[in-house]
């Protein structure tokens, strides 16, 4: 058999990728996979940040709504033809008869406290700071004494001696990125002349000379920013976030 015939019948070498081509393909795949992982991590961080801010806003709304409802009702009592402020709001410790408000002032965190008193009758749907109403069925007015304060990262409500946590977490080490209430600041709107229902100045609890003349209350709640990272230079996130609201006292403004 001739050499030419042998060459014609020899099998052809199969085509394929070289080792260099395979390495380049793997490198491109790893590059694309790295980009995808970066995108997933960024989306996860964005979702986590939005979720924490949403929880913070929910906590702020709950706290402000509860405090607003209670403060607005300060000094209220039912059936003024039978009851008076003196009879419905009796003496309690340093709080005089008929006195709807009392507060303490502290310049440093966790800040101030405010006590709000009012009397309700069954079925009048006036909320207390625990979110309940008078359902006793009794004819006589029921006195509610609500005290708001901050302790160990929580906004607390003390209702007739029982403490109810409203918002916040006691320890951030137990719940990472927890909602922490840092400070409560209370200012009282009064008329410096002592008469009229128009507010011309706001003072701390230490500056109130007659608690029966409180016309409005300015609430400032300060929360730890869950997105703040300590020790990071140039971080755009502030350490604290504050919320404010001014609440009118219905008994004074006639609302």
C-alpha atoms as a PDB file:
ATOM      1  CA  UNK A   1       0.000   0.000   0.000  1.00  0.00           C
ATOM      2  CA  UNK A   2       1.396   3.361  -0.986  1.00  0.00           C
ATOM      3  CA  UNK A   3       2.294   6.106   1.482  1.00  0.00           C
ATOM      4  CA  UNK A   4      -0.221   8.355  -0.194  1.00  0.00           C
ATOM      5  CA  UNK A   5      -3.002   5.856   0.446  1.00  0.00           C
ATOM      6  CA  UNK A   6      -2.042   5.526   4.116  1.00  0.00           C
ATOM      7  CA  UNK A   7      -2.197   9.278   4.635  1.00  0.00           C
ATOM      8  CA  UNK A   8      -5.647   9.441   3.038  1.00  0.00           C
ATOM      9  CA  UNK A   9      -7.080   6.870   5.441  1.00  0.00           C
ATOM     10  CA  UNK A  10      -5.497   8.300   8.607  1.00  0.00           C
ATOM     11  CA  UNK A  11      -8.133   9.691  11.064  1.00  0.00           C
ATOM     12  CA  UNK A  12      -8.456  13.448  11.295  1.00  0.00           C
ATOM     13  CA  UNK A  13      -7.549  15.189  14.547  1.00  0.00           C
ATOM     14  CA  UNK A  14     -10.687  16.360  16.416  1.00  0.00           C
ATOM     15  CA  UNK A  15     -11.085  20.147  16.981  1.00  0.00           C
ATOM     16  CA  UNK A  16     -11.687  21.692  20.490  1.00  0.00           C
ATOM     17  CA  UNK A  17     -10.764  24.461  22.943  1.00  0.00           C
ATOM     18  CA  UNK A  18      -7.228  24.936  23.975  1.00  0.00           C
ATOM     19  CA  UNK A  19      -6.220  25.233  27.643  1.00  0.00           C
ATOM     20  CA  UNK A  20      -5.670  28.962  27.237  1.00  0.00           C
ATOM     21  CA  UNK A  21      -9.183  29.407  25.828  1.00  0.00           C
ATOM     22  CA  UNK A  22     -10.680  27.458  28.739  1.00  0.00           C
ATOM     23  CA  UNK A  23      -8.783  29.559  31.266  1.00  0.00           C
ATOM     24  CA  UNK A  24     -10.003  32.766  29.618  1.00  0.00           C
ATOM     25  CA  UNK A  25     -13.621  31.503  29.677  1.00  0.00           C
ATOM     26  CA  UNK A  26     -13.322  30.589  33.359  1.00  0.00           C
ATOM     27  CA  UNK A  27     -11.837  33.994  34.137  1.00  0.00           C
ATOM     28  CA  UNK A  28     -14.681  35.777  32.349  1.00  0.00           C
ATOM     29  CA  UNK A  29     -17.218  33.614  34.200  1.00  0.00           C
ATOM     30  CA  UNK A  30     -15.627  34.424  37.554  1.00  0.00           C
ATOM     31  CA  UNK A  31     -15.642  38.114  36.692  1.00  0.00           C
ATOM     32  CA  UNK A  32     -19.357  38.023  35.828  1.00  0.00           C
ATOM     33  CA  UNK A  33     -20.126  35.984  38.940  1.00  0.00           C
ATOM     34  CA  UNK A  34     -18.247  38.501  41.114  1.00  0.00           C
ATOM     35  CA  UNK A  35     -20.279  41.335  39.621  1.00  0.00           C
ATOM     36  CA  UNK A  36     -23.502  39.454  40.274  1.00  0.00           C
ATOM     37  CA  UNK A  37     -22.537  38.770  43.889  1.00  0.00           C
ATOM     38  CA  UNK A  38     -21.680  42.449  44.401  1.00  0.00           C
ATOM     39  CA  UNK A  39     -25.067  43.441  43.009  1.00  0.00           C
ATOM     40  CA  UNK A  40     -26.847  40.952  45.309  1.00  0.00           C
ATOM     41  CA  UNK A  41     -24.934  42.214  48.367  1.00  0.00           C
ATOM     42  CA  UNK A  42     -25.730  45.849  47.510  1.00  0.00           C
ATOM     43  CA  UNK A  43     -29.421  45.038  47.117  1.00  0.00           C
ATOM     44  CA  UNK A  44     -29.382  43.161  50.427  1.00  0.00           C
ATOM     45  CA  UNK A  45     -27.762  46.105  52.242  1.00  0.00           C
ATOM     46  CA  UNK A  46     -30.236  48.519  50.682  1.00  0.00           C
ATOM     47  CA  UNK A  47     -33.179  46.366  51.715  1.00  0.00           C
ATOM     48  CA  UNK A  48     -31.797  46.017  55.250  1.00  0.00           C
ATOM     49  CA  UNK A  49     -31.299  49.800  55.557  1.00  0.00           C
ATOM     50  CA  UNK A  50     -34.803  50.525  54.276  1.00  0.00           C
ATOM     51  CA  UNK A  51     -36.259  47.946  56.661  1.00  0.00           C
ATOM     52  CA  UNK A  52     -34.478  49.482  59.671  1.00  0.00           C
ATOM     53  CA  UNK A  53     -35.604  52.996  58.725  1.00  0.00           C
ATOM     54  CA  UNK A  54     -39.154  51.731  58.251  1.00  0.00           C
ATOM     55  CA  UNK A  55     -39.110  50.203  61.742  1.00  0.00           C
ATOM     56  CA  UNK A  56     -37.772  53.478  63.130  1.00  0.00           C
ATOM     57  CA  UNK A  57     -40.564  55.455  61.467  1.00  0.00           C
ATOM     58  CA  UNK A  58     -43.181  53.003  62.732  1.00  0.00           C
ATOM     59  CA  UNK A  59     -41.825  53.360  66.271  1.00  0.00           C
ATOM     60  CA  UNK A  60     -41.852  57.149  65.969  1.00  0.00           C
ATOM     61  CA  UNK A  61     -45.437  57.198  64.719  1.00  0.00           C
ATOM     62  CA  UNK A  62     -46.615  54.882  67.491  1.00  0.00           C
ATOM     63  CA  UNK A  63     -44.881  56.921  70.195  1.00  0.00           C
ATOM     64  CA  UNK A  64     -46.075  60.286  68.916  1.00  0.00           C
ATOM     65  CA  UNK A  65     -49.635  59.085  68.336  1.00  0.00           C
ATOM     66  CA  UNK A  66     -49.917  57.659  71.841  1.00  0.00           C
ATOM     67  CA  UNK A  67     -48.408  60.717  73.506  1.00  0.00           C
ATOM     68  CA  UNK A  68     -50.572  63.055  71.432  1.00  0.00           C
ATOM     69  CA  UNK A  69     -53.800  61.272  72.355  1.00  0.00           C
ATOM     70  CA  UNK A  70     -52.941  61.334  76.050  1.00  0.00           C
ATOM     71  CA  UNK A  71     -51.648  64.916  76.241  1.00  0.00           C
ATOM     72  CA  UNK A  72     -54.648  66.282  74.341  1.00  0.00           C
ATOM     73  CA  UNK A  73     -56.930  64.842  77.011  1.00  0.00           C
ATOM     74  CA  UNK A  74     -55.005  66.409  79.915  1.00  0.00           C
ATOM     75  CA  UNK A  75     -57.406  67.950  82.459  1.00  0.00           C
ATOM     76  CA  UNK A  76     -60.511  66.327  80.981  1.00  0.00           C
ATOM     77  CA  UNK A  77     -63.291  65.136  83.256  1.00  0.00           C
ATOM     78  CA  UNK A  78     -66.869  64.071  82.421  1.00  0.00           C
ATOM     79  CA  UNK A  79     -70.163  65.743  83.300  1.00  0.00           C
ATOM     80  CA  UNK A  80     -69.014  69.217  84.425  1.00  0.00           C
ATOM     81  CA  UNK A  81     -72.472  69.858  85.876  1.00  0.00           C
ATOM     82  CA  UNK A  82     -71.742  67.227  88.539  1.00  0.00           C
ATOM     83  CA  UNK A  83     -67.939  67.016  88.647  1.00  0.00           C
ATOM     84  CA  UNK A  84     -65.219  69.629  88.958  1.00  0.00           C
ATOM     85  CA  UNK A  85     -61.516  69.541  88.222  1.00  0.00           C
ATOM     86  CA  UNK A  86     -60.866  69.494  91.975  1.00  0.00           C
ATOM     87  CA  UNK A  87     -63.099  66.488  92.576  1.00  0.00           C
ATOM     88  CA  UNK A  88     -62.165  64.567  89.430  1.00  0.00           C
ATOM     89  CA  UNK A  89     -58.410  65.153  89.738  1.00  0.00           C
ATOM     90  CA  UNK A  90     -57.640  64.818  93.463  1.00  0.00           C
ATOM     91  CA  UNK A  91     -54.359  65.484  95.252  1.00  0.00           C
ATOM     92  CA  UNK A  92     -51.670  62.890  94.476  1.00  0.00           C
ATOM     93  CA  UNK A  93     -48.279  63.324  96.142  1.00  0.00           C
ATOM     94  CA  UNK A  94     -46.803  66.619  94.932  1.00  0.00           C
ATOM     95  CA  UNK A  95     -49.581  67.038  92.338  1.00  0.00           C
ATOM     96  CA  UNK A  96     -52.288  69.418  93.539  1.00  0.00           C
ATOM     97  CA  UNK A  97     -56.021  68.848  93.184  1.00  0.00           C
ATOM     98  CA  UNK A  98     -57.239  69.838  89.729  1.00  0.00           C
ATOM     99  CA  UNK A  99     -53.704  69.838  88.303  1.00  0.00           C
ATOM    100  CA  UNK A 100     -53.615  68.131  84.874  1.00  0.00           C
ATOM    101  CA  UNK A 101     -49.873  68.101  84.200  1.00  0.00           C
ATOM    102  CA  UNK A 102     -46.600  67.619  85.975  1.00  0.00           C
ATOM    103  CA  UNK A 103     -43.106  67.159  84.614  1.00  0.00           C
ATOM    104  CA  UNK A 104     -39.445  66.822  85.438  1.00  0.00           C
ATOM    105  CA  UNK A 105     -36.561  68.396  83.562  1.00  0.00           C
ATOM    106  CA  UNK A 106     -33.193  66.772  82.917  1.00  0.00           C
ATOM    107  CA  UNK A 107     -30.797  68.315  80.400  1.00  0.00           C
ATOM    108  CA  UNK A 108     -28.870  65.075  79.937  1.00  0.00           C
ATOM    109  CA  UNK A 109     -30.163  61.876  78.365  1.00  0.00           C
ATOM    110  CA  UNK A 110     -32.543  60.128  78.881  1.00  0.00           C
ATOM    111  CA  UNK A 111     -34.171  63.517  79.421  1.00  0.00           C
ATOM    112  CA  UNK A 112     -37.508  64.630  80.802  1.00  0.00           C
ATOM    113  CA  UNK A 113     -40.696  63.013  82.000  1.00  0.00           C
ATOM    114  CA  UNK A 114     -44.278  64.210  81.716  1.00  0.00           C
ATOM    115  CA  UNK A 115     -47.301  63.200  83.767  1.00  0.00           C
ATOM    116  CA  UNK A 116     -50.781  63.722  82.339  1.00  0.00           C
ATOM    117  CA  UNK A 117     -53.966  63.320  84.365  1.00  0.00           C
ATOM    118  CA  UNK A 118     -57.597  63.129  83.309  1.00  0.00           C
ATOM    119  CA  UNK A 119     -60.762  61.400  84.445  1.00  0.00           C
ATOM    120  CA  UNK A 120     -63.044  59.410  82.140  1.00  0.00           C
ATOM    121  CA  UNK A 121     -66.396  57.731  82.331  1.00  0.00           C
ATOM    122  CA  UNK A 122     -67.196  54.312  80.960  1.00  0.00           C
ATOM    123  CA  UNK A 123     -67.662  54.178  77.205  1.00  0.00           C
ATOM    124  CA  UNK A 124     -66.248  57.628  76.417  1.00  0.00           C
ATOM    125  CA  UNK A 125     -63.467  55.992  74.298  1.00  0.00           C
ATOM    126  CA  UNK A 126     -60.733  58.271  75.651  1.00  0.00           C
ATOM    127  CA  UNK A 127     -57.478  56.341  75.427  1.00  0.00           C
ATOM    128  CA  UNK A 128     -54.932  55.935  78.168  1.00  0.00           C
ATOM    129  CA  UNK A 129     -51.222  55.432  77.448  1.00  0.00           C
ATOM    130  CA  UNK A 130     -51.611  51.641  77.454  1.00  0.00           C
ATOM    131  CA  UNK A 131     -54.089  51.913  74.583  1.00  0.00           C
ATOM    132  CA  UNK A 132     -57.142  51.033  76.694  1.00  0.00           C
ATOM    133  CA  UNK A 133     -60.325  52.883  77.592  1.00  0.00           C
ATOM    134  CA  UNK A 134     -62.677  52.988  80.554  1.00  0.00           C
ATOM    135  CA  UNK A 135     -64.914  49.940  80.337  1.00  0.00           C
ATOM    136  CA  UNK A 136     -65.643  49.554  84.052  1.00  0.00           C
ATOM    137  CA  UNK A 137     -69.343  50.321  83.723  1.00  0.00           C
ATOM    138  CA  UNK A 138     -69.099  52.561  86.807  1.00  0.00           C
ATOM    139  CA  UNK A 139     -70.824  55.933  86.879  1.00  0.00           C
ATOM    140  CA  UNK A 140     -68.098  57.672  88.880  1.00  0.00           C
ATOM    141  CA  UNK A 141     -65.177  59.119  86.875  1.00  0.00           C
ATOM    142  CA  UNK A 142     -62.071  56.961  86.686  1.00  0.00           C
ATOM    143  CA  UNK A 143     -58.782  58.832  87.147  1.00  0.00           C
ATOM    144  CA  UNK A 144     -55.948  58.039  84.750  1.00  0.00           C
ATOM    145  CA  UNK A 145     -52.421  59.162  85.608  1.00  0.00           C
ATOM    146  CA  UNK A 146     -50.092  58.650  82.629  1.00  0.00           C
ATOM    147  CA  UNK A 147     -46.345  59.257  82.938  1.00  0.00           C
ATOM    148  CA  UNK A 148     -44.034  59.115  79.923  1.00  0.00           C
ATOM    149  CA  UNK A 149     -40.287  58.683  80.391  1.00  0.00           C
ATOM    150  CA  UNK A 150     -37.259  57.030  78.792  1.00  0.00           C
ATOM    151  CA  UNK A 151     -35.241  54.341  80.518  1.00  0.00           C
ATOM    152  CA  UNK A 152     -32.617  51.948  79.134  1.00  0.00           C
ATOM    153  CA  UNK A 153     -33.440  52.671  75.506  1.00  0.00           C
ATOM    154  CA  UNK A 154     -37.214  52.379  75.864  1.00  0.00           C
ATOM    155  CA  UNK A 155     -40.042  54.892  75.942  1.00  0.00           C
ATOM    156  CA  UNK A 156     -42.131  53.841  78.921  1.00  0.00           C
ATOM    157  CA  UNK A 157     -45.631  54.681  80.035  1.00  0.00           C
ATOM    158  CA  UNK A 158     -46.513  54.337  83.695  1.00  0.00           C
ATOM    159  CA  UNK A 159     -50.297  54.103  83.968  1.00  0.00           C
ATOM    160  CA  UNK A 160     -51.675  54.307  87.494  1.00  0.00           C
ATOM    161  CA  UNK A 161     -48.492  52.689  88.794  1.00  0.00           C
ATOM    162  CA  UNK A 162     -48.098  49.970  86.135  1.00  0.00           C
ATOM    163  CA  UNK A 163     -45.236  50.309  83.647  1.00  0.00           C
ATOM    164  CA  UNK A 164     -45.868  49.602  79.956  1.00  0.00           C
ATOM    165  CA  UNK A 165     -43.009  49.677  77.379  1.00  0.00           C
ATOM    166  CA  UNK A 166     -44.166  51.510  74.263  1.00  0.00           C
ATOM    167  CA  UNK A 167     -41.246  51.551  71.827  1.00  0.00           C
ATOM    168  CA  UNK A 168     -37.547  50.751  71.921  1.00  0.00           C
ATOM    169  CA  UNK A 169     -35.336  47.873  72.968  1.00  0.00           C
ATOM    170  CA  UNK A 170     -33.582  47.537  76.312  1.00  0.00           C
ATOM    171  CA  UNK A 171     -30.284  46.239  74.916  1.00  0.00           C
ATOM    172  CA  UNK A 172     -28.855  46.703  71.438  1.00  0.00           C
ATOM    173  CA  UNK A 173     -26.502  43.774  72.060  1.00  0.00           C
ATOM    174  CA  UNK A 174     -29.483  41.416  72.219  1.00  0.00           C
ATOM    175  CA  UNK A 175     -31.114  42.711  69.022  1.00  0.00           C
ATOM    176  CA  UNK A 176     -28.587  44.053  66.463  1.00  0.00           C
ATOM    177  CA  UNK A 177     -29.596  47.417  64.937  1.00  0.00           C
ATOM    178  CA  UNK A 178     -32.452  47.633  67.423  1.00  0.00           C
ATOM    179  CA  UNK A 179     -34.650  50.682  67.833  1.00  0.00           C
ATOM    180  CA  UNK A 180     -33.161  52.611  70.766  1.00  0.00           C
ATOM    181  CA  UNK A 181     -34.844  55.672  72.292  1.00  0.00           C
ATOM    182  CA  UNK A 182     -32.082  57.977  73.478  1.00  0.00           C
ATOM    183  CA  UNK A 183     -33.850  61.028  74.891  1.00  0.00           C
ATOM    184  CA  UNK A 184     -37.231  62.638  75.591  1.00  0.00           C
ATOM    185  CA  UNK A 185     -37.437  66.427  75.710  1.00  0.00           C
ATOM    186  CA  UNK A 186     -40.617  68.205  76.794  1.00  0.00           C
ATOM    187  CA  UNK A 187     -41.372  71.925  76.501  1.00  0.00           C
ATOM    188  CA  UNK A 188     -44.590  73.510  77.761  1.00  0.00           C
ATOM    189  CA  UNK A 189     -46.375  76.232  75.854  1.00  0.00           C
ATOM    190  CA  UNK A 190     -47.750  78.939  78.138  1.00  0.00           C
ATOM    191  CA  UNK A 191     -48.998  82.493  77.997  1.00  0.00           C
ATOM    192  CA  UNK A 192     -46.485  84.523  79.968  1.00  0.00           C
ATOM    193  CA  UNK A 193     -49.202  86.931  81.103  1.00  0.00           C
ATOM    194  CA  UNK A 194     -51.030  84.051  82.784  1.00  0.00           C
ATOM    195  CA  UNK A 195     -54.266  84.560  80.831  1.00  0.00           C
ATOM    196  CA  UNK A 196     -55.505  83.706  77.353  1.00  0.00           C
ATOM    197  CA  UNK A 197     -55.081  80.597  75.241  1.00  0.00           C
ATOM    198  CA  UNK A 198     -52.380  81.858  72.894  1.00  0.00           C
ATOM    199  CA  UNK A 199     -48.887  80.527  73.484  1.00  0.00           C
ATOM    200  CA  UNK A 200     -46.141  83.137  73.528  1.00  0.00           C
ATOM    201  CA  UNK A 201     -43.313  81.101  75.057  1.00  0.00           C
ATOM    202  CA  UNK A 202     -42.147  77.549  75.654  1.00  0.00           C
ATOM    203  CA  UNK A 203     -40.420  76.583  78.889  1.00  0.00           C
ATOM    204  CA  UNK A 204     -39.053  73.446  80.483  1.00  0.00           C
ATOM    205  CA  UNK A 205     -40.772  71.832  83.459  1.00  0.00           C
ATOM    206  CA  UNK A 206     -38.500  73.891  85.711  1.00  0.00           C
ATOM    207  CA  UNK A 207     -39.955  77.082  84.219  1.00  0.00           C
ATOM    208  CA  UNK A 208     -43.649  76.244  84.701  1.00  0.00           C
ATOM    209  CA  UNK A 209     -45.085  78.267  87.564  1.00  0.00           C
ATOM    210  CA  UNK A 210     -48.705  77.160  87.171  1.00  0.00           C
ATOM    211  CA  UNK A 211     -49.390  73.744  85.633  1.00  0.00           C
ATOM    212  CA  UNK A 212     -53.020  74.669  85.058  1.00  0.00           C
ATOM    213  CA  UNK A 213     -51.867  77.246  82.485  1.00  0.00           C
ATOM    214  CA  UNK A 214     -50.190  74.757  80.123  1.00  0.00           C
ATOM    215  CA  UNK A 215     -51.753  75.324  76.700  1.00  0.00           C
ATOM    216  CA  UNK A 216     -49.633  73.079  74.506  1.00  0.00           C
ATOM    217  CA  UNK A 217     -46.771  70.615  74.796  1.00  0.00           C
ATOM    218  CA  UNK A 218     -43.793  70.297  72.469  1.00  0.00           C
ATOM    219  CA  UNK A 219     -42.432  66.739  72.302  1.00  0.00           C
ATOM    220  CA  UNK A 220     -38.961  65.926  70.993  1.00  0.00           C
ATOM    221  CA  UNK A 221     -38.033  62.250  70.783  1.00  0.00           C
ATOM    222  CA  UNK A 222     -34.455  61.292  69.940  1.00  0.00           C
ATOM    223  CA  UNK A 223     -33.649  57.833  68.577  1.00  0.00           C
ATOM    224  CA  UNK A 224     -30.299  56.198  67.875  1.00  0.00           C
ATOM    225  CA  UNK A 225     -29.778  56.055  64.126  1.00  0.00           C
ATOM    226  CA  UNK A 226     -29.725  52.322  63.224  1.00  0.00           C
ATOM    227  CA  UNK A 227     -27.590  53.116  60.148  1.00  0.00           C
ATOM    228  CA  UNK A 228     -24.882  54.953  62.077  1.00  0.00           C
ATOM    229  CA  UNK A 229     -21.517  53.210  62.238  1.00  0.00           C
ATOM    230  CA  UNK A 230     -19.179  54.426  64.967  1.00  0.00           C
ATOM    231  CA  UNK A 231     -15.556  55.065  64.097  1.00  0.00           C
ATOM    232  CA  UNK A 232     -16.098  55.393  60.365  1.00  0.00           C
ATOM    233  CA  UNK A 233     -14.580  58.638  59.143  1.00  0.00           C
ATOM    234  CA  UNK A 234     -16.712  60.710  56.843  1.00  0.00           C
ATOM    235  CA  UNK A 235     -19.884  58.702  57.384  1.00  0.00           C
ATOM    236  CA  UNK A 236     -22.904  60.628  56.094  1.00  0.00           C
ATOM    237  CA  UNK A 237     -25.191  59.131  58.723  1.00  0.00           C
ATOM    238  CA  UNK A 238     -25.875  61.145  61.921  1.00  0.00           C
ATOM    239  CA  UNK A 239     -25.665  59.333  65.231  1.00  0.00           C
ATOM    240  CA  UNK A 240     -29.166  60.390  66.326  1.00  0.00           C
ATOM    241  CA  UNK A 241     -32.487  61.122  64.614  1.00  0.00           C
ATOM    242  CA  UNK A 242     -35.028  63.433  66.246  1.00  0.00           C
ATOM    243  CA  UNK A 243     -38.781  63.786  65.778  1.00  0.00           C
ATOM    244  CA  UNK A 244     -40.884  66.686  67.050  1.00  0.00           C
ATOM    245  CA  UNK A 245     -44.560  67.387  67.523  1.00  0.00           C
ATOM    246  CA  UNK A 246     -46.571  70.159  69.176  1.00  0.00           C
ATOM    247  CA  UNK A 247     -49.758  68.994  70.890  1.00  0.00           C
ATOM    248  CA  UNK A 248     -52.588  71.310  71.918  1.00  0.00           C
ATOM    249  CA  UNK A 249     -54.382  70.695  75.201  1.00  0.00           C
ATOM    250  CA  UNK A 250     -58.074  70.452  74.347  1.00  0.00           C
ATOM    251  CA  UNK A 251     -59.234  71.741  77.734  1.00  0.00           C
ATOM    252  CA  UNK A 252     -57.282  74.958  77.113  1.00  0.00           C
ATOM    253  CA  UNK A 253     -57.794  75.553  73.394  1.00  0.00           C
ATOM    254  CA  UNK A 254     -61.397  74.385  73.128  1.00  0.00           C
ATOM    255  CA  UNK A 255     -60.646  71.857  70.381  1.00  0.00           C
END
